[in-house]
Amino acid sequence: MMVKLRTFARFRDLLGKELDLNIGEGAKVSDLLDALLPRSQDLQDLIFESSGDVKEDVNVLVNGRHIESLEGVETRLIDGDEVALFPAVVGG
C-alpha cells in the first residue's frame, strides 16, 4: 500500500519534502517510522528516545490528526493515508 509522507524543518533536510512510501498491508505508524531509519543515521536520535518512544518534541499526524489523539504509534495506516512528520514549534 502507498502512504504519502510530508516532512518539515529538520526532517525535510534529511528526507526531502515529500515521499511516497510503499509499506506492507496492516502497517502501523511505528512501522513507517522504522522504515525511515535507514535513510539517515541521524533519524534514530531525532525521532526516538533511548526507550524507543517517539520524542515529545516530534509531531506525527495521520490525515491531519495527531497520533496522540488516535492510537499513538499503534495507529494502523491504510492505502492513501498522508502522514506528516515535524518538530514542535517553540519560541516566542
C-alpha atoms as a PDB file:
ATOM      1  CA  MET A   1       0.000   0.000   0.000  1.00  0.00           C
ATOM      2  CA  MET A   2       1.145   3.555  -0.657  1.00  0.00           C
ATOM      3  CA  VAL A   3       1.394   6.239   2.024  1.00  0.00           C
ATOM      4  CA  LYS A   4       2.483   9.828   1.431  1.00  0.00           C
ATOM      5  CA  LEU A   5       4.933  11.273   3.939  1.00  0.00           C
ATOM      6  CA  ARG A   6       5.295  15.045   4.208  1.00  0.00           C
ATOM      7  CA  THR A   7       8.206  16.340   6.231  1.00  0.00           C
ATOM      8  CA  PHE A   8       9.086  19.712   7.675  1.00  0.00           C
ATOM      9  CA  ALA A   9      12.097  21.504   9.198  1.00  0.00           C
ATOM     10  CA  ARG A  10      14.977  19.197  10.160  1.00  0.00           C
ATOM     11  CA  PHE A  11      13.148  16.132   8.833  1.00  0.00           C
ATOM     12  CA  ARG A  12      12.788  17.761   5.427  1.00  0.00           C
ATOM     13  CA  ASP A  13      16.536  18.374   5.384  1.00  0.00           C
ATOM     14  CA  LEU A  14      17.155  14.647   5.839  1.00  0.00           C
ATOM     15  CA  LEU A  15      14.297  13.104   3.871  1.00  0.00           C
ATOM     16  CA  GLY A  16      13.149  15.686   1.370  1.00  0.00           C
ATOM     17  CA  LYS A  17       9.798  17.460   1.277  1.00  0.00           C
ATOM     18  CA  GLU A  18       7.601  14.550   0.301  1.00  0.00           C
ATOM     19  CA  LEU A  19       7.948  10.796  -0.085  1.00  0.00           C
ATOM     20  CA  ASP A  20       5.599   8.156  -1.437  1.00  0.00           C
ATOM     21  CA  LEU A  21       6.309   5.051   0.600  1.00  0.00           C
ATOM     22  CA  ASN A  22       5.236   1.543  -0.248  1.00  0.00           C
ATOM     23  CA  ILE A  23       4.663  -0.187   3.064  1.00  0.00           C
ATOM     24  CA  GLY A  24       3.049  -3.511   3.869  1.00  0.00           C
ATOM     25  CA  GLU A  25      -0.652  -4.000   4.392  1.00  0.00           C
ATOM     26  CA  GLY A  26      -1.646  -3.542   8.020  1.00  0.00           C
ATOM     27  CA  ALA A  27       1.382  -1.357   8.767  1.00  0.00           C
ATOM     28  CA  LYS A  28       1.287   0.941  11.764  1.00  0.00           C
ATOM     29  CA  VAL A  29       2.858   4.349  12.317  1.00  0.00           C
ATOM     30  CA  SER A  30       5.688   2.596  14.164  1.00  0.00           C
ATOM     31  CA  ASP A  31       6.429   0.522  11.039  1.00  0.00           C
ATOM     32  CA  LEU A  32       6.550   3.642   8.888  1.00  0.00           C
ATOM     33  CA  LEU A  33       8.923   5.414  11.291  1.00  0.00           C
ATOM     34  CA  ASP A  34      11.172   2.357  11.475  1.00  0.00           C
ATOM     35  CA  ALA A  35      11.229   2.189   7.663  1.00  0.00           C
ATOM     36  CA  LEU A  36      12.655   5.729   7.579  1.00  0.00           C
ATOM     37  CA  LEU A  37      15.676   4.989   9.766  1.00  0.00           C
ATOM     38  CA  PRO A  38      17.947   3.524   7.049  1.00  0.00           C
ATOM     39  CA  ARG A  39      17.595   6.784   5.085  1.00  0.00           C
ATOM     40  CA  SER A  40      19.745   8.751   7.573  1.00  0.00           C
ATOM     41  CA  GLN A  41      21.898   7.915  10.583  1.00  0.00           C
ATOM     42  CA  ASP A  42      20.519  10.990  12.373  1.00  0.00           C
ATOM     43  CA  LEU A  43      16.865   9.948  12.319  1.00  0.00           C
ATOM     44  CA  GLN A  44      17.041   7.470  15.201  1.00  0.00           C
ATOM     45  CA  ASP A  45      18.188  10.194  17.607  1.00  0.00           C
ATOM     46  CA  LEU A  46      15.866  12.841  16.147  1.00  0.00           C
ATOM     47  CA  ILE A  47      12.687  10.766  16.347  1.00  0.00           C
ATOM     48  CA  PHE A  48      13.120   8.348  19.247  1.00  0.00           C
ATOM     49  CA  GLU A  49      14.034   8.467  22.917  1.00  0.00           C
ATOM     50  CA  SER A  50      16.537   5.852  24.102  1.00  0.00           C
ATOM     51  CA  SER A  51      13.491   3.936  25.415  1.00  0.00           C
ATOM     52  CA  GLY A  52      12.158   3.642  21.853  1.00  0.00           C
ATOM     53  CA  ASP A  53       9.266   6.056  22.422  1.00  0.00           C
ATOM     54  CA  VAL A  54       8.718   8.921  19.990  1.00  0.00           C
ATOM     55  CA  LYS A  55      10.204  12.098  21.460  1.00  0.00           C
ATOM     56  CA  GLU A  56       7.816  14.665  22.929  1.00  0.00           C
ATOM     57  CA  ASP A  57       9.076  17.332  20.543  1.00  0.00           C
ATOM     58  CA  VAL A  58       8.272  15.244  17.449  1.00  0.00           C
ATOM     59  CA  ASN A  59       4.816  15.583  15.925  1.00  0.00           C
ATOM     60  CA  VAL A  60       3.357  12.817  13.808  1.00  0.00           C
ATOM     61  CA  LEU A  61      -0.011  13.395  12.159  1.00  0.00           C
ATOM     62  CA  VAL A  62      -2.087  10.934  10.150  1.00  0.00           C
ATOM     63  CA  ASN A  63      -4.506  12.658   7.805  1.00  0.00           C
ATOM     64  CA  GLY A  64      -4.222  15.830   9.885  1.00  0.00           C
ATOM     65  CA  ARG A  65      -4.793  14.178  13.262  1.00  0.00           C
ATOM     66  CA  HIS A  66      -2.020  13.901  15.837  1.00  0.00           C
ATOM     67  CA  ILE A  67      -1.260  10.282  16.656  1.00  0.00           C
ATOM     68  CA  GLU A  68      -1.782  11.082  20.353  1.00  0.00           C
ATOM     69  CA  SER A  69      -5.490  11.565  19.571  1.00  0.00           C
ATOM     70  CA  LEU A  70      -5.519   8.249  17.704  1.00  0.00           C
ATOM     71  CA  GLU A  71      -3.748   5.086  18.852  1.00  0.00           C
ATOM     72  CA  GLY A  72      -0.242   6.519  19.067  1.00  0.00           C
ATOM     73  CA  VAL A  73       2.404   4.616  17.126  1.00  0.00           C
ATOM     74  CA  GLU A  74      -0.004   1.664  17.030  1.00  0.00           C
ATOM     75  CA  THR A  75      -2.281   3.635  14.663  1.00  0.00           C
ATOM     76  CA  ARG A  76      -2.916   1.483  11.610  1.00  0.00           C
ATOM     77  CA  LEU A  77      -2.337   3.022   8.212  1.00  0.00           C
ATOM     78  CA  ILE A  78      -4.359   2.404   5.079  1.00  0.00           C
ATOM     79  CA  ASP A  79      -3.608   2.934   1.418  1.00  0.00           C
ATOM     80  CA  GLY A  80      -3.566   6.629   0.546  1.00  0.00           C
ATOM     81  CA  ASP A  81      -3.019   7.940   4.080  1.00  0.00           C
ATOM     82  CA  GLU A  82      -0.971  11.095   4.464  1.00  0.00           C
ATOM     83  CA  VAL A  83       1.496  11.245   7.343  1.00  0.00           C
ATOM     84  CA  ALA A  84       3.207  14.469   8.422  1.00  0.00           C
ATOM     85  CA  LEU A  85       6.434  14.495  10.436  1.00  0.00           C
ATOM     86  CA  PHE A  86       7.744  17.671  12.034  1.00  0.00           C
ATOM     87  CA  PRO A  87       9.387  19.009  15.186  1.00  0.00           C
ATOM     88  CA  ALA A  88       7.413  21.002  17.731  1.00  0.00           C
ATOM     89  CA  VAL A  89       7.431  24.723  17.127  1.00  0.00           C
ATOM     90  CA  VAL A  90       8.863  26.619  20.078  1.00  0.00           C
ATOM     91  CA  GLY A  91       9.941  30.141  20.735  1.00  0.00           C
ATOM     92  CA  GLY A  92       8.408  33.449  21.386  1.00  0.00           C
END
